[in-house]
Amino acid sequence: MAGPTTAQRGEAERADTPARPPHIGPQGPGLTGRTRLILAALGLVMISAATVWVLYGSSWLRLERVTTTGTDVLTRSEVEAAAAAPVGSPLISVDTGAIADRLRQKLPRIDSVDVVRSWPHGVSLKVTERKPVLLVEKGEKFIEVDAQGVRFATVDKAPAHVPLLELKPDRSASLRRFGGDRLLREAVRVAGDLPGKVAGETEVVRVTSYDSAVLELTGGRTVMWGSGEQGPVKARVLAALMKASPKAGHFDVSAPTAPAVSKS
């Protein structure tokens, strides 16, 4: 019997050999680690350049408006004019600290101000004004003094419910020791410790020495306050005395542990 032919043997060998999947894509080695690093660095540079352009070079994020809140006596236009914010400049480049410094320098009535960027096109000014606790008469005008003893504004008309300070120091050892500025601070301290109702009824705070402050209230009533020491205690005692003796004309809380009340 004759064996298989050469053609038959070739077909059998091809049948026994597993089929190879077809190759897809270009031949050759993949990207090296160094190439990937270079590409990543280039990508970061491009992103950084685009970010810088958007923040500084484009017209998308520029200062277009300034808003002001917290004003009472001052007007918003006054504040915004003093702020001199660089409208049209890139918002990222606006110097908020410089704006705050300008406002405090040009408008002493401002006690504090927060300057905040409001993306994408604004800056907000959050103002806190000083509040007068005493008035110092100067000719026909009045100087407003705040709770820190800062003389911050001169006005033509006295604001309501702010007492007038009469600083008339006597030629005593107290004046030589403490000086007029210290007596002013004591007067401010006294005014700041007054109970709310009493503060609204106080017309004059008269200080002649470190330990002698007298209040003149509406209705011709007076209060001997004494020094600025123990102010909160004196305030509570005075409120209790005025409640217990509403028709009294004179109250003495200079020694709060031994207060006194009289008709005049």
C-alpha atoms as a PDB file:
ATOM      1  CA  MET A   1       0.000   0.000   0.000  1.00  0.00           C
ATOM      2  CA  ALA A   2       1.412   3.417  -1.004  1.00  0.00           C
ATOM      3  CA  GLY A   3       2.132   6.080   1.750  1.00  0.00           C
ATOM      4  CA  PRO A   4       0.815   9.669   1.835  1.00  0.00           C
ATOM      5  CA  THR A   5       2.022  11.977  -0.812  1.00  0.00           C
ATOM      6  CA  THR A   6       4.060  15.114  -0.148  1.00  0.00           C
ATOM      7  CA  ALA A   7       1.022  17.355  -0.667  1.00  0.00           C
ATOM      8  CA  GLN A   8      -0.988  15.341   1.806  1.00  0.00           C
ATOM      9  CA  ARG A   9       1.782  15.551   4.440  1.00  0.00           C
ATOM     10  CA  GLY A  10       1.947  19.401   4.017  1.00  0.00           C
ATOM     11  CA  GLU A  11      -1.789  19.762   4.529  1.00  0.00           C
ATOM     12  CA  ALA A  12      -1.608  17.626   7.702  1.00  0.00           C
ATOM     13  CA  GLU A  13       1.209  19.769   9.158  1.00  0.00           C
ATOM     14  CA  ARG A  14      -0.735  22.971   8.473  1.00  0.00           C
ATOM     15  CA  ALA A  15      -3.804  21.530  10.180  1.00  0.00           C
ATOM     16  CA  ASP A  16      -1.752  20.668  13.318  1.00  0.00           C
ATOM     17  CA  THR A  17      -0.204  24.215  13.609  1.00  0.00           C
ATOM     18  CA  PRO A  18      -2.339  26.708  15.700  1.00  0.00           C
ATOM     19  CA  ALA A  19      -3.500  29.839  13.853  1.00  0.00           C
ATOM     20  CA  ARG A  20      -1.771  33.155  14.795  1.00  0.00           C
ATOM     21  CA  PRO A  21      -3.944  36.187  15.385  1.00  0.00           C
ATOM     22  CA  PRO A  22      -3.456  38.937  12.828  1.00  0.00           C
ATOM     23  CA  HIS A  23      -1.124  41.835  13.944  1.00  0.00           C
ATOM     24  CA  ILE A  24      -2.807  45.192  14.253  1.00  0.00           C
ATOM     25  CA  GLY A  25      -0.870  48.491  14.467  1.00  0.00           C
ATOM     26  CA  PRO A  26       2.610  49.611  13.587  1.00  0.00           C
ATOM     27  CA  GLN A  27       5.595  47.553  14.345  1.00  0.00           C
ATOM     28  CA  GLY A  28       8.332  48.800  16.675  1.00  0.00           C
ATOM     29  CA  PRO A  29       8.996  49.526  20.398  1.00  0.00           C
ATOM     30  CA  GLY A  30       6.537  51.628  22.640  1.00  0.00           C
ATOM     31  CA  LEU A  31       7.244  55.052  24.323  1.00  0.00           C
ATOM     32  CA  THR A  32      10.102  55.086  26.771  1.00  0.00           C
ATOM     33  CA  GLY A  33       9.793  56.437  30.323  1.00  0.00           C
ATOM     34  CA  ARG A  34      11.899  59.476  29.434  1.00  0.00           C
ATOM     35  CA  THR A  35       9.644  60.337  26.496  1.00  0.00           C
ATOM     36  CA  ARG A  36       6.542  60.102  28.682  1.00  0.00           C
ATOM     37  CA  LEU A  37       8.189  62.428  31.247  1.00  0.00           C
ATOM     38  CA  ILE A  38       9.031  64.998  28.579  1.00  0.00           C
ATOM     39  CA  LEU A  39       5.488  64.932  27.218  1.00  0.00           C
ATOM     40  CA  ALA A  40       4.013  65.333  30.717  1.00  0.00           C
ATOM     41  CA  ALA A  41       6.306  68.304  31.418  1.00  0.00           C
ATOM     42  CA  LEU A  42       5.303  69.933  28.148  1.00  0.00           C
ATOM     43  CA  GLY A  43       1.648  69.453  29.062  1.00  0.00           C
ATOM     44  CA  LEU A  44       2.157  71.125  32.452  1.00  0.00           C
ATOM     45  CA  VAL A  45       3.970  74.060  30.840  1.00  0.00           C
ATOM     46  CA  MET A  46       1.118  74.545  28.384  1.00  0.00           C
ATOM     47  CA  ILE A  47      -1.510  74.398  31.150  1.00  0.00           C
ATOM     48  CA  SER A  48       0.459  76.879  33.286  1.00  0.00           C
ATOM     49  CA  ALA A  49       0.868  79.262  30.367  1.00  0.00           C
ATOM     50  CA  ALA A  50      -2.846  79.083  29.610  1.00  0.00           C
ATOM     51  CA  THR A  51      -3.709  79.757  33.283  1.00  0.00           C
ATOM     52  CA  VAL A  52      -1.407  82.788  33.426  1.00  0.00           C
ATOM     53  CA  TRP A  53      -2.917  84.138  30.232  1.00  0.00           C
ATOM     54  CA  VAL A  54      -6.477  83.703  31.524  1.00  0.00           C
ATOM     55  CA  LEU A  55      -5.651  85.424  34.845  1.00  0.00           C
ATOM     56  CA  TYR A  56      -3.474  88.249  33.532  1.00  0.00           C
ATOM     57  CA  GLY A  57      -3.759  88.565  29.776  1.00  0.00           C
ATOM     58  CA  SER A  58      -7.361  87.854  28.883  1.00  0.00           C
ATOM     59  CA  SER A  59     -10.429  90.072  29.378  1.00  0.00           C
ATOM     60  CA  TRP A  60     -12.333  87.306  31.182  1.00  0.00           C
ATOM     61  CA  LEU A  61     -11.239  87.947  34.798  1.00  0.00           C
ATOM     62  CA  ARG A  62     -10.854  91.711  35.060  1.00  0.00           C
ATOM     63  CA  LEU A  63     -12.179  94.072  37.727  1.00  0.00           C
ATOM     64  CA  GLU A  64     -15.458  95.575  36.537  1.00  0.00           C
ATOM     65  CA  ARG A  65     -17.370  96.557  39.696  1.00  0.00           C
ATOM     66  CA  VAL A  66     -16.820  97.542  43.333  1.00  0.00           C
ATOM     67  CA  THR A  67     -19.529  97.018  45.980  1.00  0.00           C
ATOM     68  CA  THR A  68     -19.642  98.520  49.481  1.00  0.00           C
ATOM     69  CA  THR A  69     -21.533  97.380  52.587  1.00  0.00           C
ATOM     70  CA  GLY A  70     -21.602  98.421  56.248  1.00  0.00           C
ATOM     71  CA  THR A  71     -21.669 102.199  55.833  1.00  0.00           C
ATOM     72  CA  ASP A  72     -23.767 104.371  58.126  1.00  0.00           C
ATOM     73  CA  VAL A  73     -22.570 107.978  58.039  1.00  0.00           C
ATOM     74  CA  LEU A  74     -20.273 107.532  55.055  1.00  0.00           C
ATOM     75  CA  THR A  75     -21.782 107.053  51.604  1.00  0.00           C
ATOM     76  CA  ARG A  76     -20.864 104.214  49.285  1.00  0.00           C
ATOM     77  CA  SER A  77     -19.639 106.679  46.674  1.00  0.00           C
ATOM     78  CA  GLU A  78     -17.281 108.274  49.239  1.00  0.00           C
ATOM     79  CA  VAL A  79     -15.838 104.899  50.160  1.00  0.00           C
ATOM     80  CA  GLU A  80     -15.421 103.705  46.590  1.00  0.00           C
ATOM     81  CA  ALA A  81     -13.794 106.963  45.511  1.00  0.00           C
ATOM     82  CA  ALA A  82     -11.289 106.731  48.384  1.00  0.00           C
ATOM     83  CA  ALA A  83     -10.628 103.054  47.609  1.00  0.00           C
ATOM     84  CA  ALA A  84      -9.498 103.932  44.055  1.00  0.00           C
ATOM     85  CA  ALA A  85      -9.759 100.301  42.964  1.00  0.00           C
ATOM     86  CA  PRO A  86      -8.070  99.780  39.565  1.00  0.00           C
ATOM     87  CA  VAL A  87     -11.136  98.980  37.447  1.00  0.00           C
ATOM     88  CA  GLY A  88     -10.111  97.213  34.250  1.00  0.00           C
ATOM     89  CA  SER A  89      -7.048  95.555  35.774  1.00  0.00           C
ATOM     90  CA  PRO A  90      -6.719  91.781  36.124  1.00  0.00           C
ATOM     91  CA  LEU A  91      -8.625  90.825  39.282  1.00  0.00           C
ATOM     92  CA  ILE A  92      -5.760  88.621  40.462  1.00  0.00           C
ATOM     93  CA  SER A  93      -3.395  91.620  40.480  1.00  0.00           C
ATOM     94  CA  VAL A  94      -5.609  93.893  42.620  1.00  0.00           C
ATOM     95  CA  ASP A  95      -3.723  94.759  45.834  1.00  0.00           C
ATOM     96  CA  THR A  96      -6.441  94.378  48.479  1.00  0.00           C
ATOM     97  CA  GLY A  97      -4.088  95.408  51.292  1.00  0.00           C
ATOM     98  CA  ALA A  98      -3.244  98.693  49.568  1.00  0.00           C
ATOM     99  CA  ILE A  99      -6.947  99.452  49.100  1.00  0.00           C
ATOM    100  CA  ALA A 100      -7.605  98.848  52.814  1.00  0.00           C
ATOM    101  CA  ASP A 101      -4.683 101.111  53.780  1.00  0.00           C
ATOM    102  CA  ARG A 102      -5.951 103.902  51.517  1.00  0.00           C
ATOM    103  CA  LEU A 103      -9.411 103.729  53.012  1.00  0.00           C
ATOM    104  CA  ARG A 104      -8.188 103.927  56.609  1.00  0.00           C
ATOM    105  CA  GLN A 105      -5.859 106.804  55.728  1.00  0.00           C
ATOM    106  CA  LYS A 106      -8.342 108.890  53.748  1.00  0.00           C
ATOM    107  CA  LEU A 107     -11.441 108.129  55.839  1.00  0.00           C
ATOM    108  CA  PRO A 108     -10.589 108.099  59.570  1.00  0.00           C
ATOM    109  CA  ARG A 109     -14.223 107.286  60.324  1.00  0.00           C
ATOM    110  CA  ILE A 110     -13.482 103.753  59.112  1.00  0.00           C
ATOM    111  CA  ASP A 111     -12.471 101.532  62.008  1.00  0.00           C
ATOM    112  CA  SER A 112     -11.842  98.424  59.908  1.00  0.00           C
ATOM    113  CA  VAL A 113     -12.463  97.240  56.364  1.00  0.00           C
ATOM    114  CA  ASP A 114     -12.291  93.868  54.644  1.00  0.00           C
ATOM    115  CA  VAL A 115     -11.392  94.015  50.956  1.00  0.00           C
ATOM    116  CA  VAL A 116     -12.363  90.773  49.243  1.00  0.00           C
ATOM    117  CA  ARG A 117     -12.126  89.673  45.614  1.00  0.00           C
ATOM    118  CA  SER A 118     -15.503  88.583  44.227  1.00  0.00           C
ATOM    119  CA  TRP A 119     -14.771  86.358  41.260  1.00  0.00           C
ATOM    120  CA  PRO A 120     -14.993  86.710  38.346  1.00  0.00           C
ATOM    121  CA  HIS A 121     -15.293  90.525  38.075  1.00  0.00           C
ATOM    122  CA  GLY A 122     -15.732  92.237  41.462  1.00  0.00           C
ATOM    123  CA  VAL A 123     -14.228  93.530  44.684  1.00  0.00           C
ATOM    124  CA  SER A 124     -16.333  93.939  47.839  1.00  0.00           C
ATOM    125  CA  LEU A 125     -15.592  96.437  50.621  1.00  0.00           C
ATOM    126  CA  LYS A 126     -17.007  95.452  54.023  1.00  0.00           C
ATOM    127  CA  VAL A 127     -16.755  98.576  56.173  1.00  0.00           C
ATOM    128  CA  THR A 128     -17.057  98.992  59.944  1.00  0.00           C
ATOM    129  CA  GLU A 129     -17.371 102.616  61.010  1.00  0.00           C
ATOM    130  CA  ARG A 130     -16.203 104.096  64.282  1.00  0.00           C
ATOM    131  CA  LYS A 131     -19.008 105.016  66.682  1.00  0.00           C
ATOM    132  CA  PRO A 132     -18.737 108.158  68.825  1.00  0.00           C
ATOM    133  CA  VAL A 133     -19.085 107.714  72.580  1.00  0.00           C
ATOM    134  CA  LEU A 134     -18.217 111.327  73.418  1.00  0.00           C
ATOM    135  CA  LEU A 135     -18.173 114.728  71.737  1.00  0.00           C
ATOM    136  CA  VAL A 136     -15.598 117.462  72.275  1.00  0.00           C
ATOM    137  CA  GLU A 137     -16.885 120.941  71.458  1.00  0.00           C
ATOM    138  CA  LYS A 138     -14.589 123.019  69.278  1.00  0.00           C
ATOM    139  CA  GLY A 139     -15.996 126.413  68.434  1.00  0.00           C
ATOM    140  CA  GLU A 140     -19.274 125.792  66.684  1.00  0.00           C
ATOM    141  CA  LYS A 141     -18.288 122.261  65.657  1.00  0.00           C
ATOM    142  CA  PHE A 142     -17.959 118.933  67.454  1.00  0.00           C
ATOM    143  CA  ILE A 143     -15.140 116.382  67.451  1.00  0.00           C
ATOM    144  CA  GLU A 144     -16.292 112.778  67.653  1.00  0.00           C
ATOM    145  CA  VAL A 145     -14.327 110.464  69.965  1.00  0.00           C
ATOM    146  CA  ASP A 146     -14.675 106.678  69.794  1.00  0.00           C
ATOM    147  CA  ALA A 147     -14.358 103.988  72.462  1.00  0.00           C
ATOM    148  CA  GLN A 148     -10.557 103.838  71.979  1.00  0.00           C
ATOM    149  CA  GLY A 149     -10.198 107.575  72.556  1.00  0.00           C
ATOM    150  CA  VAL A 150      -9.567 108.267  68.848  1.00  0.00           C
ATOM    151  CA  ARG A 151     -10.731 111.683  67.642  1.00  0.00           C
ATOM    152  CA  PHE A 152     -11.838 110.618  64.205  1.00  0.00           C
ATOM    153  CA  ALA A 153     -14.175 113.265  62.757  1.00  0.00           C
ATOM    154  CA  THR A 154     -15.333 116.869  63.076  1.00  0.00           C
ATOM    155  CA  VAL A 155     -19.015 117.500  62.429  1.00  0.00           C
ATOM    156  CA  ASP A 156     -21.214 120.584  62.277  1.00  0.00           C
ATOM    157  CA  LYS A 157     -24.112 119.034  64.163  1.00  0.00           C
ATOM    158  CA  ALA A 158     -23.885 116.918  67.298  1.00  0.00           C
ATOM    159  CA  PRO A 159     -25.231 113.397  66.724  1.00  0.00           C
ATOM    160  CA  ALA A 160     -28.159 112.421  68.911  1.00  0.00           C
ATOM    161  CA  HIS A 161     -27.647 110.577  72.206  1.00  0.00           C
ATOM    162  CA  VAL A 162     -23.886 111.155  72.351  1.00  0.00           C
ATOM    163  CA  PRO A 163     -22.803 113.053  75.500  1.00  0.00           C
ATOM    164  CA  LEU A 164     -20.660 116.151  75.426  1.00  0.00           C
ATOM    165  CA  LEU A 165     -17.320 115.909  77.212  1.00  0.00           C
ATOM    166  CA  GLU A 166     -16.309 118.737  79.502  1.00  0.00           C
ATOM    167  CA  LEU A 167     -12.677 118.172  80.330  1.00  0.00           C
ATOM    168  CA  LYS A 168     -11.800 120.763  82.949  1.00  0.00           C
ATOM    169  CA  PRO A 169      -8.909 119.364  84.971  1.00  0.00           C
ATOM    170  CA  ASP A 170      -8.083 121.121  88.195  1.00  0.00           C
ATOM    171  CA  ARG A 171      -4.504 121.969  89.125  1.00  0.00           C
ATOM    172  CA  SER A 172      -4.118 118.886  91.214  1.00  0.00           C
ATOM    173  CA  ALA A 173      -1.567 116.143  91.629  1.00  0.00           C
ATOM    174  CA  SER A 174      -3.879 113.998  89.505  1.00  0.00           C
ATOM    175  CA  LEU A 175      -3.406 116.274  86.496  1.00  0.00           C
ATOM    176  CA  ARG A 176       0.373 116.461  86.972  1.00  0.00           C
ATOM    177  CA  ARG A 177       0.573 112.697  87.288  1.00  0.00           C
ATOM    178  CA  PHE A 178      -1.781 111.566  84.533  1.00  0.00           C
ATOM    179  CA  GLY A 179      -2.075 114.522  82.122  1.00  0.00           C
ATOM    180  CA  GLY A 180      -4.994 115.591  79.950  1.00  0.00           C
ATOM    181  CA  ASP A 181      -4.790 112.619  77.564  1.00  0.00           C
ATOM    182  CA  ARG A 182      -5.131 110.158  80.409  1.00  0.00           C
ATOM    183  CA  LEU A 183      -8.165 112.047  81.704  1.00  0.00           C
ATOM    184  CA  LEU A 184      -9.692 111.857  78.222  1.00  0.00           C
ATOM    185  CA  ARG A 185      -9.185 108.080  78.212  1.00  0.00           C
ATOM    186  CA  GLU A 186     -10.846 107.887  81.635  1.00  0.00           C
ATOM    187  CA  ALA A 187     -13.825 109.851  80.333  1.00  0.00           C
ATOM    188  CA  VAL A 188     -14.086 107.455  77.378  1.00  0.00           C
ATOM    189  CA  ARG A 189     -13.869 104.539  79.773  1.00  0.00           C
ATOM    190  CA  VAL A 190     -16.699 105.945  81.877  1.00  0.00           C
ATOM    191  CA  ALA A 191     -18.889 106.566  78.811  1.00  0.00           C
ATOM    192  CA  GLY A 192     -18.258 103.035  77.572  1.00  0.00           C
ATOM    193  CA  ASP A 193     -19.348 101.492  80.882  1.00  0.00           C
ATOM    194  CA  LEU A 194     -22.674 103.325  81.135  1.00  0.00           C
ATOM    195  CA  PRO A 195     -25.831 101.184  80.970  1.00  0.00           C
ATOM    196  CA  GLY A 196     -27.612 101.545  77.637  1.00  0.00           C
ATOM    197  CA  LYS A 197     -30.573 103.509  78.990  1.00  0.00           C
ATOM    198  CA  VAL A 198     -28.346 105.815  81.049  1.00  0.00           C
ATOM    199  CA  ALA A 199     -25.997 106.390  78.104  1.00  0.00           C
ATOM    200  CA  GLY A 200     -28.933 107.548  76.011  1.00  0.00           C
ATOM    201  CA  GLU A 201     -29.978 109.995  78.742  1.00  0.00           C
ATOM    202  CA  THR A 202     -26.498 111.369  79.464  1.00  0.00           C
ATOM    203  CA  GLU A 203     -25.980 114.869  78.122  1.00  0.00           C
ATOM    204  CA  VAL A 204     -22.595 115.770  79.632  1.00  0.00           C
ATOM    205  CA  VAL A 205     -19.634 113.870  81.066  1.00  0.00           C
ATOM    206  CA  ARG A 206     -17.610 116.296  83.189  1.00  0.00           C
ATOM    207  CA  VAL A 207     -14.117 115.240  84.264  1.00  0.00           C
ATOM    208  CA  THR A 208     -12.038 117.401  86.591  1.00  0.00           C
ATOM    209  CA  SER A 209      -9.559 114.801  87.827  1.00  0.00           C
ATOM    210  CA  TYR A 210      -8.663 111.154  87.523  1.00  0.00           C
ATOM    211  CA  ASP A 211     -11.129 110.162  90.250  1.00  0.00           C
ATOM    212  CA  SER A 212     -13.858 112.723  89.639  1.00  0.00           C
ATOM    213  CA  ALA A 213     -16.280 112.164  86.776  1.00  0.00           C
ATOM    214  CA  VAL A 214     -19.799 113.574  86.990  1.00  0.00           C
ATOM    215  CA  LEU A 215     -22.655 112.805  84.607  1.00  0.00           C
ATOM    216  CA  GLU A 216     -25.405 115.248  83.752  1.00  0.00           C
ATOM    217  CA  LEU A 217     -28.565 113.464  82.668  1.00  0.00           C
ATOM    218  CA  THR A 218     -31.798 114.666  81.135  1.00  0.00           C
ATOM    219  CA  GLY A 219     -34.261 116.192  83.557  1.00  0.00           C
ATOM    220  CA  GLY A 220     -31.536 117.911  85.562  1.00  0.00           C
ATOM    221  CA  ARG A 221     -30.360 114.676  87.213  1.00  0.00           C
ATOM    222  CA  THR A 222     -26.701 114.099  88.103  1.00  0.00           C
ATOM    223  CA  VAL A 223     -24.530 111.090  88.840  1.00  0.00           C
ATOM    224  CA  MET A 224     -21.301 111.174  90.825  1.00  0.00           C
ATOM    225  CA  TRP A 225     -19.360 108.408  89.070  1.00  0.00           C
ATOM    226  CA  GLY A 226     -15.922 108.975  90.543  1.00  0.00           C
ATOM    227  CA  SER A 227     -13.006 107.262  88.814  1.00  0.00           C
ATOM    228  CA  GLY A 228     -13.190 104.849  85.926  1.00  0.00           C
ATOM    229  CA  GLU A 229     -12.419 101.917  88.235  1.00  0.00           C
ATOM    230  CA  GLN A 230     -15.091  99.234  88.743  1.00  0.00           C
ATOM    231  CA  GLY A 231     -17.123 100.639  85.873  1.00  0.00           C
ATOM    232  CA  PRO A 232     -19.312  97.552  85.231  1.00  0.00           C
ATOM    233  CA  VAL A 233     -20.109  97.286  88.956  1.00  0.00           C
ATOM    234  CA  LYS A 234     -21.036 100.972  89.129  1.00  0.00           C
ATOM    235  CA  ALA A 235     -23.224 100.559  86.063  1.00  0.00           C
ATOM    236  CA  ARG A 236     -25.219  97.748  87.683  1.00  0.00           C
ATOM    237  CA  VAL A 237     -25.563  99.664  90.949  1.00  0.00           C
ATOM    238  CA  LEU A 238     -26.692 102.817  89.144  1.00  0.00           C
ATOM    239  CA  ALA A 239     -29.308 100.915  87.136  1.00  0.00           C
ATOM    240  CA  ALA A 240     -30.679  99.411  90.360  1.00  0.00           C
ATOM    241  CA  LEU A 241     -30.765 102.804  92.130  1.00  0.00           C
ATOM    242  CA  MET A 242     -32.576 104.485  89.257  1.00  0.00           C
ATOM    243  CA  LYS A 243     -35.141 101.709  89.169  1.00  0.00           C
ATOM    244  CA  ALA A 244     -35.699 101.847  92.939  1.00  0.00           C
ATOM    245  CA  SER A 245     -35.776 105.684  93.091  1.00  0.00           C
ATOM    246  CA  PRO A 246     -37.089 106.927  89.733  1.00  0.00           C
ATOM    247  CA  LYS A 247     -37.788 110.435  91.078  1.00  0.00           C
ATOM    248  CA  ALA A 248     -34.370 110.979  92.626  1.00  0.00           C
ATOM    249  CA  GLY A 249     -32.269 113.836  91.303  1.00  0.00           C
ATOM    250  CA  HIS A 250     -28.768 112.777  92.365  1.00  0.00           C
ATOM    251  CA  PHE A 251     -27.044 109.406  92.444  1.00  0.00           C
ATOM    252  CA  ASP A 252     -23.620 108.661  93.891  1.00  0.00           C
ATOM    253  CA  VAL A 253     -21.911 105.426  92.823  1.00  0.00           C
ATOM    254  CA  SER A 254     -18.320 106.597  93.317  1.00  0.00           C
ATOM    255  CA  ALA A 255     -18.116 103.952  96.057  1.00  0.00           C
ATOM    256  CA  PRO A 256     -20.346 101.212  94.599  1.00  0.00           C
ATOM    257  CA  THR A 257     -20.435  99.248  97.843  1.00  0.00           C
ATOM    258  CA  ALA A 258     -21.970 102.278  99.605  1.00  0.00           C
ATOM    259  CA  PRO A 259     -24.077 104.128  97.005  1.00  0.00           C
ATOM    260  CA  ALA A 260     -26.255 107.091  97.850  1.00  0.00           C
ATOM    261  CA  VAL A 261     -29.401 108.692  96.454  1.00  0.00           C
ATOM    262  CA  SER A 262     -30.898 112.150  97.079  1.00  0.00           C
ATOM    263  CA  LYS A 263     -33.636 114.314  95.634  1.00  0.00           C
ATOM    264  CA  SER A 264     -31.224 116.947  94.377  1.00  0.00           C
END
